[in-house]
């Protein structure tokens, strides 16, 4: 998904309406400006025609760009938490970002997957399962979703193993899922962290 598409998909409905109105008003102001130029000398006050349209376009644009930048920063935090699951400061930071992320529209498949990764590293498996079901309806063959499904299955099994250390079959399942993930193309940092942990824990 390209950045232009993501730019619009992170906007609230009222921000999209503001931007559309701003674009319409901009062209109206441009027409009025050209009309005045043809009529006679240009005065500085004609520049005010563009003030309102620029505000209408600028506000949602700034909000969306800021949100896209925050998504990239959030991904870094998620990866760090995957590597340091006992770090309470990181955990709290990711939880806060989850709440903030869920407060905006998540029409983007990529952004929804970032949220999914956050639920996984927080061991919020019910939320992760629910989100996976929704994403599978959108893109069932997505490689990104397949990777996230693998790391969730690993994380889930590891959690079960902590609660039931006698269940040796979970070790086998974790190893199988890690090998499946290992064989996927273009592994991300978070994928490598999960694989490395499995390799270190299970001979």
C-alpha atoms as a PDB file:
ATOM      1  CA  UNK A   1       0.000   0.000   0.000  1.00  0.00           C
ATOM      2  CA  UNK A   2       1.545   3.317  -1.004  1.00  0.00           C
ATOM      3  CA  UNK A   3       2.068   6.262   1.333  1.00  0.00           C
ATOM      4  CA  UNK A   4      -0.589   8.429  -0.373  1.00  0.00           C
ATOM      5  CA  UNK A   5      -3.238   5.791   0.321  1.00  0.00           C
ATOM      6  CA  UNK A   6      -2.108   5.462   3.950  1.00  0.00           C
ATOM      7  CA  UNK A   7      -2.164   9.267   4.269  1.00  0.00           C
ATOM      8  CA  UNK A   8      -5.906   9.406   3.589  1.00  0.00           C
ATOM      9  CA  UNK A   9      -6.746   6.194   5.449  1.00  0.00           C
ATOM     10  CA  UNK A  10      -5.518   7.537   8.791  1.00  0.00           C
ATOM     11  CA  UNK A  11      -7.914  10.509   8.746  1.00  0.00           C
ATOM     12  CA  UNK A  12     -11.098  10.870  10.741  1.00  0.00           C
ATOM     13  CA  UNK A  13     -14.225  11.445   8.647  1.00  0.00           C
ATOM     14  CA  UNK A  14     -14.417  15.100   9.696  1.00  0.00           C
ATOM     15  CA  UNK A  15     -10.766  15.590   8.670  1.00  0.00           C
ATOM     16  CA  UNK A  16     -11.497  14.161   5.215  1.00  0.00           C
ATOM     17  CA  UNK A  17     -14.509  16.478   4.898  1.00  0.00           C
ATOM     18  CA  UNK A  18     -12.369  19.450   5.940  1.00  0.00           C
ATOM     19  CA  UNK A  19      -9.744  18.580   3.335  1.00  0.00           C
ATOM     20  CA  UNK A  20     -12.310  18.159   0.552  1.00  0.00           C
ATOM     21  CA  UNK A  21     -13.926  21.494   1.469  1.00  0.00           C
ATOM     22  CA  UNK A  22     -10.483  23.078   1.583  1.00  0.00           C
ATOM     23  CA  UNK A  23      -9.651  21.859  -1.921  1.00  0.00           C
ATOM     24  CA  UNK A  24     -12.997  23.117  -3.261  1.00  0.00           C
ATOM     25  CA  UNK A  25     -12.560  26.495  -1.558  1.00  0.00           C
ATOM     26  CA  UNK A  26      -8.999  26.721  -2.877  1.00  0.00           C
ATOM     27  CA  UNK A  27     -10.189  26.458  -6.471  1.00  0.00           C
ATOM     28  CA  UNK A  28     -12.984  28.953  -5.778  1.00  0.00           C
ATOM     29  CA  UNK A  29     -10.412  31.341  -4.283  1.00  0.00           C
ATOM     30  CA  UNK A  30      -8.103  30.774  -7.263  1.00  0.00           C
ATOM     31  CA  UNK A  31     -10.905  31.580  -9.682  1.00  0.00           C
ATOM     32  CA  UNK A  32     -11.772  34.741  -7.693  1.00  0.00           C
ATOM     33  CA  UNK A  33      -8.110  35.765  -7.619  1.00  0.00           C
ATOM     34  CA  UNK A  34      -7.703  35.340 -11.396  1.00  0.00           C
ATOM     35  CA  UNK A  35     -10.939  37.258 -11.931  1.00  0.00           C
ATOM     36  CA  UNK A  36      -9.636  40.162  -9.805  1.00  0.00           C
ATOM     37  CA  UNK A  37      -6.301  40.138 -11.656  1.00  0.00           C
ATOM     38  CA  UNK A  38      -8.115  40.525 -14.959  1.00  0.00           C
ATOM     39  CA  UNK A  39     -10.284  43.342 -13.557  1.00  0.00           C
ATOM     40  CA  UNK A  40      -7.483  45.542 -12.299  1.00  0.00           C
ATOM     41  CA  UNK A  41      -4.485  45.972  -9.967  1.00  0.00           C
ATOM     42  CA  UNK A  42      -3.805  43.251  -7.408  1.00  0.00           C
ATOM     43  CA  UNK A  43      -4.161  44.209  -3.744  1.00  0.00           C
ATOM     44  CA  UNK A  44      -2.656  42.293  -0.831  1.00  0.00           C
ATOM     45  CA  UNK A  45      -6.101  41.586   0.631  1.00  0.00           C
ATOM     46  CA  UNK A  46      -6.846  39.251  -2.274  1.00  0.00           C
ATOM     47  CA  UNK A  47      -4.337  36.853  -0.756  1.00  0.00           C
ATOM     48  CA  UNK A  48      -6.731  36.373   2.161  1.00  0.00           C
ATOM     49  CA  UNK A  49      -8.966  34.424  -0.203  1.00  0.00           C
ATOM     50  CA  UNK A  50      -6.552  31.509   0.248  1.00  0.00           C
ATOM     51  CA  UNK A  51      -6.295  31.638   4.037  1.00  0.00           C
ATOM     52  CA  UNK A  52      -9.357  29.549   4.925  1.00  0.00           C
ATOM     53  CA  UNK A  53      -8.752  26.856   2.261  1.00  0.00           C
ATOM     54  CA  UNK A  54      -5.143  26.473   3.417  1.00  0.00           C
ATOM     55  CA  UNK A  55      -6.281  26.018   7.029  1.00  0.00           C
ATOM     56  CA  UNK A  56      -8.870  23.434   5.951  1.00  0.00           C
ATOM     57  CA  UNK A  57      -6.258  21.503   3.951  1.00  0.00           C
ATOM     58  CA  UNK A  58      -3.348  21.998   6.348  1.00  0.00           C
ATOM     59  CA  UNK A  59      -4.891  20.840   9.622  1.00  0.00           C
ATOM     60  CA  UNK A  60      -5.889  17.291   8.555  1.00  0.00           C
ATOM     61  CA  UNK A  61      -2.660  16.953   6.553  1.00  0.00           C
ATOM     62  CA  UNK A  62      -0.519  17.711   9.610  1.00  0.00           C
ATOM     63  CA  UNK A  63      -2.564  15.336  11.765  1.00  0.00           C
ATOM     64  CA  UNK A  64      -2.229  12.499   9.245  1.00  0.00           C
ATOM     65  CA  UNK A  65       1.518  12.991   8.664  1.00  0.00           C
ATOM     66  CA  UNK A  66       2.074  13.056  12.417  1.00  0.00           C
ATOM     67  CA  UNK A  67       0.111   9.830  12.843  1.00  0.00           C
ATOM     68  CA  UNK A  68       2.065   8.068  10.072  1.00  0.00           C
ATOM     69  CA  UNK A  69       5.339   9.109  11.728  1.00  0.00           C
ATOM     70  CA  UNK A  70       4.057   7.805  15.080  1.00  0.00           C
ATOM     71  CA  UNK A  71       3.246   4.438  13.473  1.00  0.00           C
ATOM     72  CA  UNK A  72       6.901   3.973  12.486  1.00  0.00           C
ATOM     73  CA  UNK A  73       8.046   4.898  15.994  1.00  0.00           C
ATOM     74  CA  UNK A  74       5.449   2.527  17.447  1.00  0.00           C
ATOM     75  CA  UNK A  75       6.794  -0.369  15.371  1.00  0.00           C
ATOM     76  CA  UNK A  76      10.227   0.212  16.898  1.00  0.00           C
ATOM     77  CA  UNK A  77       8.752   0.068  20.411  1.00  0.00           C
ATOM     78  CA  UNK A  78       6.914  -3.167  19.603  1.00  0.00           C
ATOM     79  CA  UNK A  79      10.137  -4.776  18.363  1.00  0.00           C
ATOM     80  CA  UNK A  80      11.992  -3.630  21.482  1.00  0.00           C
ATOM     81  CA  UNK A  81       9.278  -5.107  23.712  1.00  0.00           C
ATOM     82  CA  UNK A  82       9.440  -8.406  21.813  1.00  0.00           C
ATOM     83  CA  UNK A  83      13.153  -8.462  22.631  1.00  0.00           C
ATOM     84  CA  UNK A  84      12.694  -7.270  26.237  1.00  0.00           C
ATOM     85  CA  UNK A  85       9.310  -8.636  27.392  1.00  0.00           C
ATOM     86  CA  UNK A  86      10.089  -7.972  31.077  1.00  0.00           C
ATOM     87  CA  UNK A  87      10.674  -4.250  30.503  1.00  0.00           C
ATOM     88  CA  UNK A  88       7.693  -2.655  32.272  1.00  0.00           C
ATOM     89  CA  UNK A  89       8.386   0.844  30.941  1.00  0.00           C
ATOM     90  CA  UNK A  90       8.319  -0.442  27.368  1.00  0.00           C
ATOM     91  CA  UNK A  91       5.178  -2.446  28.106  1.00  0.00           C
ATOM     92  CA  UNK A  92       3.355   0.602  29.460  1.00  0.00           C
ATOM     93  CA  UNK A  93       4.497   2.670  26.498  1.00  0.00           C
ATOM     94  CA  UNK A  94       3.159   0.124  24.025  1.00  0.00           C
ATOM     95  CA  UNK A  95      -0.159  -0.112  25.911  1.00  0.00           C
ATOM     96  CA  UNK A  96      -0.568   3.671  25.729  1.00  0.00           C
ATOM     97  CA  UNK A  97       0.209   3.656  22.011  1.00  0.00           C
ATOM     98  CA  UNK A  98      -2.348   0.874  21.455  1.00  0.00           C
ATOM     99  CA  UNK A  99      -5.058   3.032  23.037  1.00  0.00           C
ATOM    100  CA  UNK A 100      -4.015   5.989  20.905  1.00  0.00           C
ATOM    101  CA  UNK A 101      -3.855   3.926  17.734  1.00  0.00           C
ATOM    102  CA  UNK A 102      -7.302   2.463  18.346  1.00  0.00           C
ATOM    103  CA  UNK A 103      -8.714   5.977  18.712  1.00  0.00           C
ATOM    104  CA  UNK A 104      -8.130   6.709  15.010  1.00  0.00           C
ATOM    105  CA  UNK A 105      -9.612   5.026  11.939  1.00  0.00           C
ATOM    106  CA  UNK A 106      -7.692   1.879  10.955  1.00  0.00           C
ATOM    107  CA  UNK A 107      -8.661   1.469   7.327  1.00  0.00           C
ATOM    108  CA  UNK A 108      -5.064   0.606   6.404  1.00  0.00           C
ATOM    109  CA  UNK A 109      -4.206  -3.114   6.358  1.00  0.00           C
ATOM    110  CA  UNK A 110      -0.605  -2.328   7.273  1.00  0.00           C
ATOM    111  CA  UNK A 111      -1.534  -0.196  10.299  1.00  0.00           C
ATOM    112  CA  UNK A 112      -3.970  -2.834  11.520  1.00  0.00           C
ATOM    113  CA  UNK A 113      -1.102  -5.343  11.383  1.00  0.00           C
ATOM    114  CA  UNK A 114       1.041  -3.019  13.504  1.00  0.00           C
ATOM    115  CA  UNK A 115      -1.762  -3.006  16.071  1.00  0.00           C
ATOM    116  CA  UNK A 116      -1.904  -6.808  15.808  1.00  0.00           C
ATOM    117  CA  UNK A 117       1.833  -7.050  16.572  1.00  0.00           C
ATOM    118  CA  UNK A 118       1.310  -4.867  19.648  1.00  0.00           C
ATOM    119  CA  UNK A 119      -1.438  -7.145  20.955  1.00  0.00           C
ATOM    120  CA  UNK A 120       0.837 -10.154  20.420  1.00  0.00           C
ATOM    121  CA  UNK A 121       3.840  -8.780  22.339  1.00  0.00           C
ATOM    122  CA  UNK A 122       1.458  -7.701  25.128  1.00  0.00           C
ATOM    123  CA  UNK A 123       0.077 -11.262  25.246  1.00  0.00           C
ATOM    124  CA  UNK A 124      -3.398  -9.912  24.464  1.00  0.00           C
ATOM    125  CA  UNK A 125      -4.312 -12.978  22.446  1.00  0.00           C
ATOM    126  CA  UNK A 126      -8.095 -12.537  22.423  1.00  0.00           C
ATOM    127  CA  UNK A 127      -7.701  -9.108  20.824  1.00  0.00           C
ATOM    128  CA  UNK A 128      -5.089 -10.487  18.433  1.00  0.00           C
ATOM    129  CA  UNK A 129      -7.333 -13.406  17.398  1.00  0.00           C
ATOM    130  CA  UNK A 130     -10.239 -11.053  16.745  1.00  0.00           C
ATOM    131  CA  UNK A 131      -8.077  -8.745  14.637  1.00  0.00           C
ATOM    132  CA  UNK A 132      -6.601 -11.634  12.647  1.00  0.00           C
ATOM    133  CA  UNK A 133     -10.099 -12.818  11.726  1.00  0.00           C
ATOM    134  CA  UNK A 134     -10.961  -9.348  10.405  1.00  0.00           C
ATOM    135  CA  UNK A 135      -7.696  -9.049   8.456  1.00  0.00           C
ATOM    136  CA  UNK A 136      -8.102 -12.523   6.945  1.00  0.00           C
ATOM    137  CA  UNK A 137     -11.373 -11.355   5.430  1.00  0.00           C
ATOM    138  CA  UNK A 138      -9.507  -8.495   3.733  1.00  0.00           C
ATOM    139  CA  UNK A 139      -6.359 -10.281   2.535  1.00  0.00           C
ATOM    140  CA  UNK A 140      -6.327 -14.005   3.376  1.00  0.00           C
ATOM    141  CA  UNK A 141      -3.123 -14.622   1.366  1.00  0.00           C
ATOM    142  CA  UNK A 142      -1.113 -11.743   2.829  1.00  0.00           C
ATOM    143  CA  UNK A 143       2.509 -12.640   3.644  1.00  0.00           C
ATOM    144  CA  UNK A 144       2.572  -9.954   6.350  1.00  0.00           C
ATOM    145  CA  UNK A 145      -0.481 -11.441   8.033  1.00  0.00           C
ATOM    146  CA  UNK A 146       0.992 -14.946   7.747  1.00  0.00           C
ATOM    147  CA  UNK A 147       4.131 -13.801   9.590  1.00  0.00           C
ATOM    148  CA  UNK A 148       2.091 -12.162  12.321  1.00  0.00           C
ATOM    149  CA  UNK A 149      -0.054 -15.282  12.640  1.00  0.00           C
ATOM    150  CA  UNK A 150       3.138 -17.329  13.122  1.00  0.00           C
ATOM    151  CA  UNK A 151       4.589 -15.072  15.818  1.00  0.00           C
ATOM    152  CA  UNK A 152       1.225 -15.074  17.598  1.00  0.00           C
ATOM    153  CA  UNK A 153       1.091 -18.871  17.597  1.00  0.00           C
ATOM    154  CA  UNK A 154       4.641 -18.967  18.997  1.00  0.00           C
ATOM    155  CA  UNK A 155       3.871 -16.374  21.676  1.00  0.00           C
ATOM    156  CA  UNK A 156       0.625 -18.121  22.596  1.00  0.00           C
ATOM    157  CA  UNK A 157       2.287 -21.525  22.923  1.00  0.00           C
ATOM    158  CA  UNK A 158       5.131 -20.048  24.984  1.00  0.00           C
ATOM    159  CA  UNK A 159       2.611 -18.522  27.368  1.00  0.00           C
ATOM    160  CA  UNK A 160       0.801 -21.858  27.696  1.00  0.00           C
ATOM    161  CA  UNK A 161       4.135 -23.588  28.332  1.00  0.00           C
ATOM    162  CA  UNK A 162       4.916 -21.194  31.175  1.00  0.00           C
ATOM    163  CA  UNK A 163       1.577 -22.040  32.772  1.00  0.00           C
ATOM    164  CA  UNK A 164       1.888 -25.791  32.030  1.00  0.00           C
ATOM    165  CA  UNK A 165       5.612 -26.686  31.884  1.00  0.00           C
ATOM    166  CA  UNK A 166       4.817 -30.419  31.735  1.00  0.00           C
ATOM    167  CA  UNK A 167       3.237 -30.121  28.281  1.00  0.00           C
ATOM    168  CA  UNK A 168       6.260 -31.215  26.236  1.00  0.00           C
ATOM    169  CA  UNK A 169       4.222 -31.223  23.006  1.00  0.00           C
ATOM    170  CA  UNK A 170       4.149 -27.428  23.148  1.00  0.00           C
ATOM    171  CA  UNK A 171       7.925 -27.348  22.629  1.00  0.00           C
ATOM    172  CA  UNK A 172       7.478 -29.322  19.426  1.00  0.00           C
ATOM    173  CA  UNK A 173       4.739 -27.005  18.199  1.00  0.00           C
ATOM    174  CA  UNK A 174       6.790 -23.898  19.003  1.00  0.00           C
ATOM    175  CA  UNK A 175       9.747 -25.318  17.081  1.00  0.00           C
ATOM    176  CA  UNK A 176       7.566 -26.136  14.066  1.00  0.00           C
ATOM    177  CA  UNK A 177       6.058 -22.630  14.010  1.00  0.00           C
ATOM    178  CA  UNK A 178       9.509 -21.037  14.312  1.00  0.00           C
ATOM    179  CA  UNK A 179      10.751 -23.117  11.361  1.00  0.00           C
ATOM    180  CA  UNK A 180       7.692 -22.075   9.327  1.00  0.00           C
ATOM    181  CA  UNK A 181       8.465 -18.444  10.093  1.00  0.00           C
ATOM    182  CA  UNK A 182      12.152 -18.939   9.294  1.00  0.00           C
ATOM    183  CA  UNK A 183      11.260 -20.141   5.794  1.00  0.00           C
ATOM    184  CA  UNK A 184       9.291 -17.022   4.925  1.00  0.00           C
ATOM    185  CA  UNK A 185      10.841 -14.310   2.755  1.00  0.00           C
ATOM    186  CA  UNK A 186      12.019 -10.863   3.900  1.00  0.00           C
ATOM    187  CA  UNK A 187      11.995 -11.504   7.635  1.00  0.00           C
ATOM    188  CA  UNK A 188      11.516  -8.463   9.864  1.00  0.00           C
ATOM    189  CA  UNK A 189      13.390  -7.695  13.071  1.00  0.00           C
ATOM    190  CA  UNK A 190      10.455  -8.922  15.166  1.00  0.00           C
ATOM    191  CA  UNK A 191      10.392 -12.229  13.236  1.00  0.00           C
ATOM    192  CA  UNK A 192      14.112 -12.785  13.860  1.00  0.00           C
ATOM    193  CA  UNK A 193      13.668 -12.035  17.569  1.00  0.00           C
ATOM    194  CA  UNK A 194      10.984 -14.710  17.932  1.00  0.00           C
ATOM    195  CA  UNK A 195      13.058 -17.247  15.952  1.00  0.00           C
ATOM    196  CA  UNK A 196      16.195 -16.528  17.976  1.00  0.00           C
ATOM    197  CA  UNK A 197      14.329 -16.930  21.252  1.00  0.00           C
ATOM    198  CA  UNK A 198      12.978 -20.308  20.169  1.00  0.00           C
ATOM    199  CA  UNK A 199      16.447 -21.428  19.026  1.00  0.00           C
ATOM    200  CA  UNK A 200      17.907 -20.425  22.380  1.00  0.00           C
ATOM    201  CA  UNK A 201      15.172 -22.077  24.453  1.00  0.00           C
ATOM    202  CA  UNK A 202      14.560 -25.251  22.477  1.00  0.00           C
ATOM    203  CA  UNK A 203      17.602 -27.221  21.242  1.00  0.00           C
END
